Amino acid sequence: MKEDFIREVYFYKSYYLDFFKALKPEVQRKFNWTLKLIAIIDRVPIKYFKYLENTNGLFEVRVEVGSDIYRVFSFFDEGRLIILLNGFHKKSQKTPRVEIELAEKLKKQYFDEKAIR
């Protein structure tokens, strides 16, 4: 069965992959499943993919395995291209400001590099 992808997922540098490699296999499987879901369905439930208020266009990919919660920041480039940035194991209700600031810095870096290509 062929699946039609409506979005393309891109890993910016090694930030996401470094995070991913350190995860337990069951968490890796859930991230793979979630990213595939984001790539193939038109309206992704906010349980898996949510816009972050008070940011410069950041979204978070959301994964829960048991009582553990993980987040990966991302943003859109050219409409259907999703760029994955840094990820973290969420240990409190509020997303750490330092993680958001890092994601915003990486997003700016991505577009700065793209502008000089």
Protein backbone atom coordinates (compact mmCIF):
# COMPACT_ATOMS: atom_id res chain seq x y z
CA MET A 1 0.00 0.00 0.00
CA LYS A 2 1.44 3.34 -1.07
CA GLU A 3 1.13 6.23 1.34
CA ASP A 4 0.92 9.81 0.13
CA PHE A 5 3.06 12.19 2.10
CA ILE A 6 1.66 15.69 2.35
CA ARG A 7 4.58 17.00 4.40
CA GLU A 8 8.30 16.37 4.32
CA VAL A 9 10.22 16.08 7.59
CA TYR A 10 13.81 17.33 7.67
CA PHE A 11 16.33 17.07 10.52
CA TYR A 12 18.30 20.29 10.98
CA LYS A 13 21.93 19.34 11.53
CA SER A 14 22.19 16.57 14.14
CA TYR A 15 20.10 18.09 16.95
CA TYR A 16 17.10 15.81 16.58
CA LEU A 17 19.10 12.71 15.65
CA ASP A 18 21.42 13.09 18.67
CA PHE A 19 18.34 13.36 20.90
CA PHE A 20 16.66 10.41 19.16
CA LYS A 21 19.67 8.09 19.45
CA ALA A 22 19.70 8.52 23.24
CA LEU A 23 16.06 7.42 23.63
CA LYS A 24 14.82 3.97 24.59
CA PRO A 25 13.68 1.82 21.63
CA GLU A 26 9.98 2.11 22.54
CA VAL A 27 10.25 5.91 22.59
CA GLN A 28 12.08 5.87 19.26
CA ARG A 29 9.26 3.78 17.76
CA LYS A 30 6.67 6.24 19.07
CA PHE A 31 8.59 9.19 17.59
CA ASN A 32 8.82 7.40 14.23
CA TRP A 33 5.09 6.68 14.32
CA THR A 34 4.27 10.28 15.28
CA LEU A 35 6.49 11.78 12.56
CA LYS A 36 4.88 9.51 9.98
CA LEU A 37 1.44 10.62 11.20
CA ILE A 38 2.48 14.27 10.83
CA ALA A 39 3.75 13.58 7.31
CA ILE A 40 0.65 11.79 6.00
CA ILE A 41 -2.49 13.26 7.57
CA ASP A 42 -3.91 16.68 6.81
CA ARG A 43 -5.12 17.69 10.27
CA VAL A 44 -2.76 16.40 12.93
CA PRO A 45 -4.33 16.26 16.41
CA ILE A 46 -2.72 18.69 18.87
CA LYS A 47 -1.97 15.70 21.06
CA TYR A 48 0.88 14.99 18.61
CA PHE A 49 1.71 18.33 17.00
CA LYS A 50 0.97 21.70 18.57
CA TYR A 51 1.69 25.34 17.81
CA LEU A 52 3.50 27.04 20.70
CA GLU A 53 1.92 30.32 21.71
CA ASN A 54 4.23 33.30 22.26
CA THR A 55 6.96 31.94 19.98
CA ASN A 56 8.17 32.87 16.54
CA GLY A 57 6.33 30.11 14.65
CA LEU A 58 7.51 27.13 16.67
CA PHE A 59 5.60 23.88 16.94
CA GLU A 60 6.27 20.92 19.16
CA VAL A 61 6.09 17.26 18.24
CA ARG A 62 4.59 15.60 21.30
CA VAL A 63 5.23 12.01 22.39
CA GLU A 64 4.12 10.21 25.53
CA VAL A 65 5.28 6.74 26.51
CA GLY A 66 3.92 5.58 29.83
CA SER A 67 4.34 8.48 32.24
CA ASP A 68 7.25 9.96 30.25
CA ILE A 69 6.69 12.99 28.03
CA TYR A 70 9.02 14.07 25.23
CA ARG A 71 8.99 17.13 23.01
CA VAL A 72 10.84 18.13 19.85
CA PHE A 73 10.64 21.66 18.53
CA SER A 74 9.97 22.24 14.87
CA PHE A 75 8.83 24.84 12.37
CA PHE A 76 7.56 25.06 8.81
CA ASP A 77 9.65 26.15 5.85
CA GLU A 78 7.99 26.72 2.47
CA GLY A 79 4.63 25.39 3.58
CA ARG A 80 4.97 21.61 3.63
CA LEU A 81 8.51 21.19 4.89
CA ILE A 82 8.81 20.58 8.64
CA ILE A 83 12.22 21.21 10.17
CA LEU A 84 12.98 19.31 13.40
CA LEU A 85 15.22 20.97 15.97
CA ASN A 86 16.13 20.17 19.57
CA GLY A 87 14.27 17.71 21.74
CA PHE A 88 13.98 17.13 25.45
CA HIS A 89 12.41 14.92 28.11
CA LYS A 90 9.68 17.02 29.69
CA LYS A 91 9.77 16.81 33.47
CA SER A 92 7.45 19.65 34.47
CA GLN A 93 4.14 21.17 33.38
CA LYS A 94 5.76 24.20 31.81
CA THR A 95 8.10 23.93 28.83
CA PRO A 96 11.54 25.16 29.95
CA ARG A 97 12.23 28.64 28.55
CA VAL A 98 15.85 27.67 27.84
CA GLU A 99 14.65 24.94 25.44
CA ILE A 100 12.37 27.38 23.61
CA GLU A 101 15.19 29.94 23.35
CA LEU A 102 17.51 27.29 21.91
CA ALA A 103 14.86 26.30 19.33
CA GLU A 104 14.34 29.94 18.32
CA LYS A 105 18.11 30.40 17.96
CA LEU A 106 18.37 27.25 15.80
CA LYS A 107 15.45 28.37 13.64
CA LYS A 108 17.15 31.72 13.02
CA GLN A 109 20.43 29.93 12.26
CA TYR A 110 18.63 27.68 9.75
CA PHE A 111 17.17 30.64 7.84
CA ASP A 112 20.45 32.59 8.01
CA GLU A 113 22.29 29.63 6.46
CA LYS A 114 19.58 29.15 3.87
CA ALA A 115 19.83 32.82 2.83
CA ILE A 116 23.54 32.49 1.96
CA ARG A 117 23.16 29.27 -0.06
